[in-house]
Amino acid sequence: RHGRTFTVTAAGQYFYRHGKDLLVSVDFLI
C-alpha cells in the first residue's frame, strides 16, 4: 500500500492467479 494506491506483491500475483481458478472450481461445484 502506498497511501491511496497499491501494487500487487509477488505473493499477491500468485494468490490472484490460483484464486481465480479456485473460484471457477467452486462455481462449477455449486
Full PDB file with SEQRES, HELIX, SHEET, SSBOND, CRYST1, ORIGX, SCALE, CONECT and MASTER records, all heavy atoms in Angstrom:
SEQRES   1 A   30  ARG HIS GLY ARG THR PHE THR VAL THR ALA ALA GLY GLN          
SEQRES   2 A   30  TYR PHE TYR ARG HIS GLY LYS ASP LEU LEU VAL SER VAL          
SEQRES   3 A   30  ASP PHE LEU ILE                                              
HELIX    1 AA1 ALA A   10  LEU A   29  1                                  20    
CRYST1    1.000    1.000    1.000  90.00  90.00  90.00 P 1           1          
ORIGX1      1.000000  0.000000  0.000000        0.00000                         
ORIGX2      0.000000  1.000000  0.000000        0.00000                         
ORIGX3      0.000000  0.000000  1.000000        0.00000                         
SCALE1      1.000000  0.000000  0.000000        0.00000                         
SCALE2      0.000000  1.000000  0.000000        0.00000                         
SCALE3      0.000000  0.000000  1.000000        0.00000                         
ATOM      1  N   ARG A   1       0.834  -1.200   0.000  1.00  0.00           N  
ATOM      2  CA  ARG A   1       0.000   0.000   0.000  1.00  0.00           C  
ATOM      3  C   ARG A   1       0.870   1.252   0.000  1.00  0.00           C  
ATOM      4  O   ARG A   1       1.847   1.342   0.760  1.00  0.00           O  
ATOM      5  CB  ARG A   1      -0.942  -0.015   1.202  1.00  0.00           C  
ATOM      6  CG  ARG A   1      -1.963  -1.167   1.135  1.00  0.00           C  
ATOM      7  CD  ARG A   1      -2.633  -1.410   2.474  1.00  0.00           C  
ATOM      8  NE  ARG A   1      -3.666  -2.432   2.397  1.00  0.00           N  
ATOM      9  CZ  ARG A   1      -3.421  -3.748   2.420  1.00  0.00           C  
ATOM     10  NH1 ARG A   1      -2.165  -4.185   2.493  1.00  0.00           N  
ATOM     11  NH2 ARG A   1      -4.413  -4.614   2.365  1.00  0.00           N  
ATOM     12  N   HIS A   2       0.496   2.226  -0.836  1.00  0.00           N  
ATOM     13  CA  HIS A   2       1.215   3.486  -0.939  1.00  0.00           C  
ATOM     14  C   HIS A   2       0.181   4.607  -0.857  1.00  0.00           C  
ATOM     15  O   HIS A   2      -0.255   5.148  -1.876  1.00  0.00           O  
ATOM     16  CB  HIS A   2       1.980   3.581  -2.268  1.00  0.00           C  
ATOM     17  CG  HIS A   2       2.741   2.343  -2.625  1.00  0.00           C  
ATOM     18  ND1 HIS A   2       3.917   1.972  -2.007  1.00  0.00           N  
ATOM     19  CD2 HIS A   2       2.475   1.375  -3.540  1.00  0.00           C  
ATOM     20  CE1 HIS A   2       4.358   0.839  -2.539  1.00  0.00           C  
ATOM     21  NE2 HIS A   2       3.490   0.449  -3.456  1.00  0.00           N  
ATOM     22  N   GLY A   3      -0.234   4.936   0.352  1.00  0.00           N  
ATOM     23  CA  GLY A   3      -1.294   5.921   0.522  1.00  0.00           C  
ATOM     24  C   GLY A   3      -2.601   5.375  -0.015  1.00  0.00           C  
ATOM     25  O   GLY A   3      -3.119   4.371   0.470  1.00  0.00           O  
ATOM     26  N   ARG A   4      -3.133   6.035  -1.067  1.00  0.00           N  
ATOM     27  CA  ARG A   4      -4.397   5.600  -1.648  1.00  0.00           C  
ATOM     28  C   ARG A   4      -4.205   4.642  -2.818  1.00  0.00           C  
ATOM     29  O   ARG A   4      -5.172   4.205  -3.431  1.00  0.00           O  
ATOM     30  CB  ARG A   4      -5.206   6.812  -2.119  1.00  0.00           C  
ATOM     31  CG  ARG A   4      -5.656   7.707  -0.971  1.00  0.00           C  
ATOM     32  CD  ARG A   4      -6.611   8.772  -1.478  1.00  0.00           C  
ATOM     33  NE  ARG A   4      -7.135   9.580  -0.386  1.00  0.00           N  
ATOM     34  CZ  ARG A   4      -8.059  10.532  -0.530  1.00  0.00           C  
ATOM     35  NH1 ARG A   4      -8.550  10.773  -1.746  1.00  0.00           N  
ATOM     36  NH2 ARG A   4      -8.472  11.226   0.492  1.00  0.00           N  
ATOM     37  N   THR A   5      -2.970   4.339  -3.152  1.00  0.00           N  
ATOM     38  CA  THR A   5      -2.681   3.408  -4.242  1.00  0.00           C  
ATOM     39  C   THR A   5      -2.021   2.158  -3.682  1.00  0.00           C  
ATOM     40  O   THR A   5      -1.675   2.093  -2.499  1.00  0.00           O  
ATOM     41  CB  THR A   5      -1.763   4.058  -5.296  1.00  0.00           C  
ATOM     42  OG1 THR A   5      -0.498   4.353  -4.677  1.00  0.00           O  
ATOM     43  CG2 THR A   5      -2.391   5.332  -5.844  1.00  0.00           C  
ATOM     44  N   PHE A   6      -1.845   1.184  -4.533  1.00  0.00           N  
ATOM     45  CA  PHE A   6      -1.213  -0.064  -4.103  1.00  0.00           C  
ATOM     46  C   PHE A   6      -0.612  -0.772  -5.306  1.00  0.00           C  
ATOM     47  O   PHE A   6      -0.974  -0.489  -6.449  1.00  0.00           O  
ATOM     48  CB  PHE A   6      -2.218  -1.002  -3.412  1.00  0.00           C  
ATOM     49  CG  PHE A   6      -3.332  -1.473  -4.314  1.00  0.00           C  
ATOM     50  CD1 PHE A   6      -3.161  -2.593  -5.131  1.00  0.00           C  
ATOM     51  CD2 PHE A   6      -4.547  -0.807  -4.358  1.00  0.00           C  
ATOM     52  CE1 PHE A   6      -4.173  -3.017  -5.965  1.00  0.00           C  
ATOM     53  CE2 PHE A   6      -5.566  -1.233  -5.206  1.00  0.00           C  
ATOM     54  CZ  PHE A   6      -5.376  -2.342  -6.010  1.00  0.00           C  
ATOM     55  N   THR A   7       0.316  -1.669  -5.044  1.00  0.00           N  
ATOM     56  CA  THR A   7       0.829  -2.597  -6.051  1.00  0.00           C  
ATOM     57  C   THR A   7       0.645  -4.004  -5.503  1.00  0.00           C  
ATOM     58  O   THR A   7       0.593  -4.214  -4.281  1.00  0.00           O  
ATOM     59  CB  THR A   7       2.313  -2.352  -6.362  1.00  0.00           C  
ATOM     60  OG1 THR A   7       3.075  -2.438  -5.137  1.00  0.00           O  
ATOM     61  CG2 THR A   7       2.517  -0.991  -7.003  1.00  0.00           C  
ATOM     62  N   VAL A   8       0.522  -4.947  -6.405  1.00  0.00           N  
ATOM     63  CA  VAL A   8       0.322  -6.339  -6.016  1.00  0.00           C  
ATOM     64  C   VAL A   8       1.692  -6.990  -5.829  1.00  0.00           C  
ATOM     65  O   VAL A   8       2.548  -6.910  -6.717  1.00  0.00           O  
ATOM     66  CB  VAL A   8      -0.488  -7.103  -7.074  1.00  0.00           C  
ATOM     67  CG1 VAL A   8      -0.768  -8.535  -6.622  1.00  0.00           C  
ATOM     68  CG2 VAL A   8      -1.803  -6.380  -7.369  1.00  0.00           C  
ATOM     69  N   THR A   9       1.925  -7.616  -4.684  1.00  0.00           N  
ATOM     70  CA  THR A   9       3.195  -8.284  -4.420  1.00  0.00           C  
ATOM     71  C   THR A   9       3.300  -9.566  -5.247  1.00  0.00           C  
ATOM     72  O   THR A   9       2.319 -10.013  -5.846  1.00  0.00           O  
ATOM     73  CB  THR A   9       3.333  -8.632  -2.934  1.00  0.00           C  
ATOM     74  OG1 THR A   9       2.341  -9.621  -2.598  1.00  0.00           O  
ATOM     75  CG2 THR A   9       3.142  -7.407  -2.049  1.00  0.00           C  
ATOM     76  N   ALA A  10       4.482 -10.159  -5.258  1.00  0.00           N  
ATOM     77  CA  ALA A  10       4.660 -11.433  -5.966  1.00  0.00           C  
ATOM     78  C   ALA A  10       3.740 -12.494  -5.377  1.00  0.00           C  
ATOM     79  O   ALA A  10       3.126 -13.294  -6.101  1.00  0.00           O  
ATOM     80  CB  ALA A  10       6.121 -11.875  -5.883  1.00  0.00           C  
ATOM     81  N   ALA A  11       3.613 -12.488  -4.047  1.00  0.00           N  
ATOM     82  CA  ALA A  11       2.705 -13.438  -3.393  1.00  0.00           C  
ATOM     83  C   ALA A  11       1.257 -13.152  -3.794  1.00  0.00           C  
ATOM     84  O   ALA A  11       0.455 -14.068  -4.008  1.00  0.00           O  
ATOM     85  CB  ALA A  11       2.862 -13.358  -1.875  1.00  0.00           C  
ATOM     86  N   GLY A  12       0.929 -11.856  -3.917  1.00  0.00           N  
ATOM     87  CA  GLY A  12      -0.419 -11.475  -4.320  1.00  0.00           C  
ATOM     88  C   GLY A  12      -0.740 -11.900  -5.744  1.00  0.00           C  
ATOM     89  O   GLY A  12      -1.855 -12.333  -6.034  1.00  0.00           O  
ATOM     90  N   GLN A  13       0.245 -11.786  -6.634  1.00  0.00           N  
ATOM     91  CA  GLN A  13       0.037 -12.215  -8.017  1.00  0.00           C  
ATOM     92  C   GLN A  13      -0.195 -13.721  -8.089  1.00  0.00           C  
ATOM     93  O   GLN A  13      -1.063 -14.198  -8.844  1.00  0.00           O  
ATOM     94  CB  GLN A  13       1.249 -11.816  -8.854  1.00  0.00           C  
ATOM     95  CG  GLN A  13       1.399 -10.311  -9.024  1.00  0.00           C  
ATOM     96  CD  GLN A  13       2.708  -9.922  -9.680  1.00  0.00           C  
ATOM     97  OE1 GLN A  13       3.511 -10.792 -10.039  1.00  0.00           O  
ATOM     98  NE2 GLN A  13       2.951  -8.634  -9.825  1.00  0.00           N  
ATOM     99  N   TYR A  14       0.570 -14.467  -7.296  1.00  0.00           N  
ATOM    100  CA  TYR A  14       0.391 -15.925  -7.252  1.00  0.00           C  
ATOM    101  C   TYR A  14      -0.999 -16.261  -6.708  1.00  0.00           C  
ATOM    102  O   TYR A  14      -1.720 -17.092  -7.264  1.00  0.00           O  
ATOM    103  CB  TYR A  14       1.471 -16.541  -6.369  1.00  0.00           C  
ATOM    104  CG  TYR A  14       1.299 -18.027  -6.128  1.00  0.00           C  
ATOM    105  CD1 TYR A  14       1.796 -18.960  -7.031  1.00  0.00           C  
ATOM    106  CD2 TYR A  14       0.628 -18.499  -4.999  1.00  0.00           C  
ATOM    107  CE1 TYR A  14       1.635 -20.319  -6.821  1.00  0.00           C  
ATOM    108  CE2 TYR A  14       0.458 -19.853  -4.780  1.00  0.00           C  
ATOM    109  CZ  TYR A  14       0.972 -20.764  -5.689  1.00  0.00           C  
ATOM    110  OH  TYR A  14       0.800 -22.102  -5.484  1.00  0.00           O  
ATOM    111  N   PHE A  15      -1.392 -15.581  -5.629  1.00  0.00           N  
ATOM    112  CA  PHE A  15      -2.683 -15.859  -4.997  1.00  0.00           C  
ATOM    113  C   PHE A  15      -3.824 -15.472  -5.931  1.00  0.00           C  
ATOM    114  O   PHE A  15      -4.848 -16.161  -5.995  1.00  0.00           O  
ATOM    115  CB  PHE A  15      -2.792 -15.089  -3.676  1.00  0.00           C  
ATOM    116  CG  PHE A  15      -3.930 -15.528  -2.817  1.00  0.00           C  
ATOM    117  CD1 PHE A  15      -3.829 -16.667  -2.026  1.00  0.00           C  
ATOM    118  CD2 PHE A  15      -5.114 -14.797  -2.785  1.00  0.00           C  
ATOM    119  CE1 PHE A  15      -4.887 -17.073  -1.226  1.00  0.00           C  
ATOM    120  CE2 PHE A  15      -6.163 -15.204  -1.993  1.00  0.00           C  
ATOM    121  CZ  PHE A  15      -6.054 -16.345  -1.212  1.00  0.00           C  
ATOM    122  N   TYR A  16      -3.636 -14.385  -6.674  1.00  0.00           N  
ATOM    123  CA  TYR A  16      -4.669 -13.940  -7.615  1.00  0.00           C  
ATOM    124  C   TYR A  16      -4.899 -14.979  -8.706  1.00  0.00           C  
ATOM    125  O   TYR A  16      -6.040 -15.360  -8.992  1.00  0.00           O  
ATOM    126  CB  TYR A  16      -4.248 -12.600  -8.229  1.00  0.00           C  
ATOM    127  CG  TYR A  16      -5.083 -12.190  -9.424  1.00  0.00           C  
ATOM    128  CD1 TYR A  16      -6.374 -11.699  -9.261  1.00  0.00           C  
ATOM    129  CD2 TYR A  16      -4.574 -12.317 -10.713  1.00  0.00           C  
ATOM    130  CE1 TYR A  16      -7.137 -11.326 -10.354  1.00  0.00           C  
ATOM    131  CE2 TYR A  16      -5.336 -11.948 -11.818  1.00  0.00           C  
ATOM    132  CZ  TYR A  16      -6.613 -11.459 -11.633  1.00  0.00           C  
ATOM    133  OH  TYR A  16      -7.372 -11.100 -12.713  1.00  0.00           O  
ATOM    134  N   ARG A  17      -3.789 -15.455  -9.337  1.00  0.00           N  
ATOM    135  CA  ARG A  17      -3.930 -16.426 -10.426  1.00  0.00           C  
ATOM    136  C   ARG A  17      -4.625 -17.692  -9.962  1.00  0.00           C  
ATOM    137  O   ARG A  17      -5.568 -18.174 -10.609  1.00  0.00           O  
ATOM    138  CB  ARG A  17      -2.554 -16.775 -11.001  1.00  0.00           C  
ATOM    139  CG  ARG A  17      -1.888 -15.655 -11.782  1.00  0.00           C  
ATOM    140  CD  ARG A  17      -0.723 -16.188 -12.602  1.00  0.00           C  
ATOM    141  NE  ARG A  17       0.258 -16.896 -11.772  1.00  0.00           N  
ATOM    142  CZ  ARG A  17       1.273 -16.316 -11.166  1.00  0.00           C  
ATOM    143  NH1 ARG A  17       1.451 -15.005 -11.275  1.00  0.00           N  
ATOM    144  NH2 ARG A  17       2.129 -17.030 -10.451  1.00  0.00           N  
ATOM    145  N   HIS A  18      -4.180 -18.245  -8.886  1.00  0.00           N  
ATOM    146  CA  HIS A  18      -4.746 -19.513  -8.424  1.00  0.00           C  
ATOM    147  C   HIS A  18      -6.087 -19.313  -7.718  1.00  0.00           C  
ATOM    148  O   HIS A  18      -6.923 -20.230  -7.701  1.00  0.00           O  
ATOM    149  CB  HIS A  18      -3.744 -20.226  -7.522  1.00  0.00           C  
ATOM    150  CG  HIS A  18      -2.509 -20.677  -8.251  1.00  0.00           C  
ATOM    151  ND1 HIS A  18      -2.475 -21.821  -9.019  1.00  0.00           N  
ATOM    152  CD2 HIS A  18      -1.288 -20.105  -8.372  1.00  0.00           C  
ATOM    153  CE1 HIS A  18      -1.280 -21.951  -9.564  1.00  0.00           C  
ATOM    154  NE2 HIS A  18      -0.543 -20.930  -9.192  1.00  0.00           N  
ATOM    155  N   GLY A  19      -6.285 -18.118  -7.158  1.00  0.00           N  
ATOM    156  CA  GLY A  19      -7.576 -17.831  -6.545  1.00  0.00           C  
ATOM    157  C   GLY A  19      -8.688 -17.796  -7.579  1.00  0.00           C  
ATOM    158  O   GLY A  19      -9.809 -18.262  -7.329  1.00  0.00           O  
ATOM    159  N   LYS A  20      -8.377 -17.267  -8.770  1.00  0.00           N  
ATOM    160  CA  LYS A  20      -9.379 -17.259  -9.843  1.00  0.00           C  
ATOM    161  C   LYS A  20      -9.755 -18.683 -10.249  1.00  0.00           C  
ATOM    162  O   LYS A  20     -10.929 -18.988 -10.473  1.00  0.00           O  
ATOM    163  CB  LYS A  20      -8.846 -16.492 -11.052  1.00  0.00           C  
ATOM    164  CG  LYS A  20      -8.779 -14.992 -10.868  1.00  0.00           C  
ATOM    165  CD  LYS A  20      -8.557 -14.268 -12.180  1.00  0.00           C  
ATOM    166  CE  LYS A  20      -9.757 -14.327 -13.072  1.00  0.00           C  
ATOM    167  NZ  LYS A  20      -9.630 -13.508 -14.278  1.00  0.00           N  
ATOM    168  N   ASP A  21      -8.749 -19.544 -10.356  1.00  0.00           N  
ATOM    169  CA  ASP A  21      -9.034 -20.949 -10.690  1.00  0.00           C  
ATOM    170  C   ASP A  21      -9.910 -21.591  -9.622  1.00  0.00           C  
ATOM    171  O   ASP A  21     -10.821 -22.374  -9.940  1.00  0.00           O  
ATOM    172  CB  ASP A  21      -7.721 -21.730 -10.820  1.00  0.00           C  
ATOM    173  CG  ASP A  21      -6.897 -21.301 -12.021  1.00  0.00           C  
ATOM    174  OD1 ASP A  21      -7.475 -20.731 -12.960  1.00  0.00           O  
ATOM    175  OD2 ASP A  21      -5.678 -21.547 -12.015  1.00  0.00           O  
ATOM    176  N   LEU A  22      -9.634 -21.250  -8.373  1.00  0.00           N  
ATOM    177  CA  LEU A  22     -10.417 -21.813  -7.261  1.00  0.00           C  
ATOM    178  C   LEU A  22     -11.870 -21.363  -7.338  1.00  0.00           C  
ATOM    179  O   LEU A  22     -12.794 -22.172  -7.155  1.00  0.00           O  
ATOM    180  CB  LEU A  22      -9.801 -21.398  -5.926  1.00  0.00           C  
ATOM    181  CG  LEU A  22     -10.561 -21.849  -4.669  1.00  0.00           C  
ATOM    182  CD1 LEU A  22     -10.610 -23.370  -4.587  1.00  0.00           C  
ATOM    183  CD2 LEU A  22      -9.921 -21.263  -3.421  1.00  0.00           C  
ATOM    184  N   LEU A  23     -12.094 -20.100  -7.645  1.00  0.00           N  
ATOM    185  CA  LEU A  23     -13.465 -19.597  -7.740  1.00  0.00           C  
ATOM    186  C   LEU A  23     -14.234 -20.281  -8.856  1.00  0.00           C  
ATOM    187  O   LEU A  23     -15.418 -20.572  -8.719  1.00  0.00           O  
ATOM    188  CB  LEU A  23     -13.454 -18.086  -7.955  1.00  0.00           C  
ATOM    189  CG  LEU A  23     -12.968 -17.220  -6.790  1.00  0.00           C  
ATOM    190  CD1 LEU A  23     -13.162 -15.749  -7.114  1.00  0.00           C  
ATOM    191  CD2 LEU A  23     -13.687 -17.569  -5.492  1.00  0.00           C  
ATOM    192  N   VAL A  24     -13.555 -20.510  -9.983  1.00  0.00           N  
ATOM    193  CA  VAL A  24     -14.198 -21.221 -11.093  1.00  0.00           C  
ATOM    194  C   VAL A  24     -14.591 -22.627 -10.656  1.00  0.00           C  
ATOM    195  O   VAL A  24     -15.696 -23.103 -10.944  1.00  0.00           O  
ATOM    196  CB  VAL A  24     -13.263 -21.274 -12.320  1.00  0.00           C  
ATOM    197  CG1 VAL A  24     -13.824 -22.224 -13.379  1.00  0.00           C  
ATOM    198  CG2 VAL A  24     -13.079 -19.888 -12.911  1.00  0.00           C  
ATOM    199  N   SER A  25     -13.691 -23.305  -9.932  1.00  0.00           N  
ATOM    200  CA  SER A  25     -13.975 -24.666  -9.471  1.00  0.00           C  
ATOM    201  C   SER A  25     -15.132 -24.681  -8.481  1.00  0.00           C  
ATOM    202  O   SER A  25     -15.997 -25.569  -8.532  1.00  0.00           O  
ATOM    203  CB  SER A  25     -12.720 -25.267  -8.824  1.00  0.00           C  
ATOM    204  OG  SER A  25     -11.674 -25.379  -9.756  1.00  0.00           O  
ATOM    205  N   VAL A  26     -15.165 -23.694  -7.587  1.00  0.00           N  
ATOM    206  CA  VAL A  26     -16.247 -23.626  -6.605  1.00  0.00           C  
ATOM    207  C   VAL A  26     -17.574 -23.344  -7.305  1.00  0.00           C  
ATOM    208  O   VAL A  26     -18.612 -23.948  -6.985  1.00  0.00           O  
ATOM    209  CB  VAL A  26     -15.939 -22.553  -5.543  1.00  0.00           C  
ATOM    210  CG1 VAL A  26     -17.156 -22.311  -4.653  1.00  0.00           C  
ATOM    211  CG2 VAL A  26     -14.749 -22.973  -4.697  1.00  0.00           C  
ATOM    212  N   ASP A  27     -17.553 -22.427  -8.272  1.00  0.00           N  
ATOM    213  CA  ASP A  27     -18.767 -22.114  -9.020  1.00  0.00           C  
ATOM    214  C   ASP A  27     -19.270 -23.342  -9.773  1.00  0.00           C  
ATOM    215  O   ASP A  27     -20.477 -23.612  -9.816  1.00  0.00           O  
ATOM    216  CB  ASP A  27     -18.478 -20.972  -9.993  1.00  0.00           C  
ATOM    217  CG  ASP A  27     -19.737 -20.511 -10.724  1.00  0.00           C  
ATOM    218  OD1 ASP A  27     -20.695 -20.115 -10.053  1.00  0.00           O  
ATOM    219  OD2 ASP A  27     -19.746 -20.563 -11.971  1.00  0.00           O  
ATOM    220  N   PHE A  28     -18.334 -24.096 -10.369  1.00  0.00           N  
ATOM    221  CA  PHE A  28     -18.684 -25.331 -11.063  1.00  0.00           C  
ATOM    222  C   PHE A  28     -19.314 -26.327 -10.098  1.00  0.00           C  
ATOM    223  O   PHE A  28     -20.314 -26.982 -10.410  1.00  0.00           O  
ATOM    224  CB  PHE A  28     -17.420 -25.924 -11.687  1.00  0.00           C  
ATOM    225  CG  PHE A  28     -17.628 -27.220 -12.407  1.00  0.00           C  
ATOM    226  CD1 PHE A  28     -18.156 -27.249 -13.681  1.00  0.00           C  
ATOM    227  CD2 PHE A  28     -17.288 -28.422 -11.801  1.00  0.00           C  
ATOM    228  CE1 PHE A  28     -18.342 -28.449 -14.342  1.00  0.00           C  
ATOM    229  CE2 PHE A  28     -17.474 -29.624 -12.455  1.00  0.00           C  
ATOM    230  CZ  PHE A  28     -18.003 -29.635 -13.734  1.00  0.00           C  
ATOM    231  N   LEU A  29     -18.739 -26.440  -8.893  1.00  0.00           N  
ATOM    232  CA  LEU A  29     -19.267 -27.359  -7.881  1.00  0.00           C  
ATOM    233  C   LEU A  29     -20.673 -26.959  -7.463  1.00  0.00           C  
ATOM    234  O   LEU A  29     -21.563 -27.809  -7.336  1.00  0.00           O  
ATOM    235  CB  LEU A  29     -18.329 -27.362  -6.671  1.00  0.00           C  
ATOM    236  CG  LEU A  29     -18.775 -28.179  -5.453  1.00  0.00           C  
ATOM    237  CD1 LEU A  29     -18.887 -29.658  -5.803  1.00  0.00           C  
ATOM    238  CD2 LEU A  29     -17.805 -27.974  -4.296  1.00  0.00           C  
ATOM    239  N   ILE A  30     -20.883 -25.663  -7.273  1.00  0.00           N  
ATOM    240  CA  ILE A  30     -22.190 -25.185  -6.842  1.00  0.00           C  
ATOM    241  C   ILE A  30     -23.248 -25.468  -7.912  1.00  0.00           C  
ATOM    242  O   ILE A  30     -24.326 -25.994  -7.623  1.00  0.00           O  
ATOM    243  CB  ILE A  30     -22.129 -23.672  -6.536  1.00  0.00           C  
ATOM    244  CG1 ILE A  30     -21.293 -23.429  -5.275  1.00  0.00           C  
ATOM    245  CG2 ILE A  30     -23.530 -23.102  -6.350  1.00  0.00           C  
ATOM    246  CD1 ILE A  30     -20.989 -21.973  -5.011  1.00  0.00           C  
TER     247      ILE A  30                                                      
MASTER        0    0    0    1    0    0    0    6  246    1    0    3          
END                                                                             
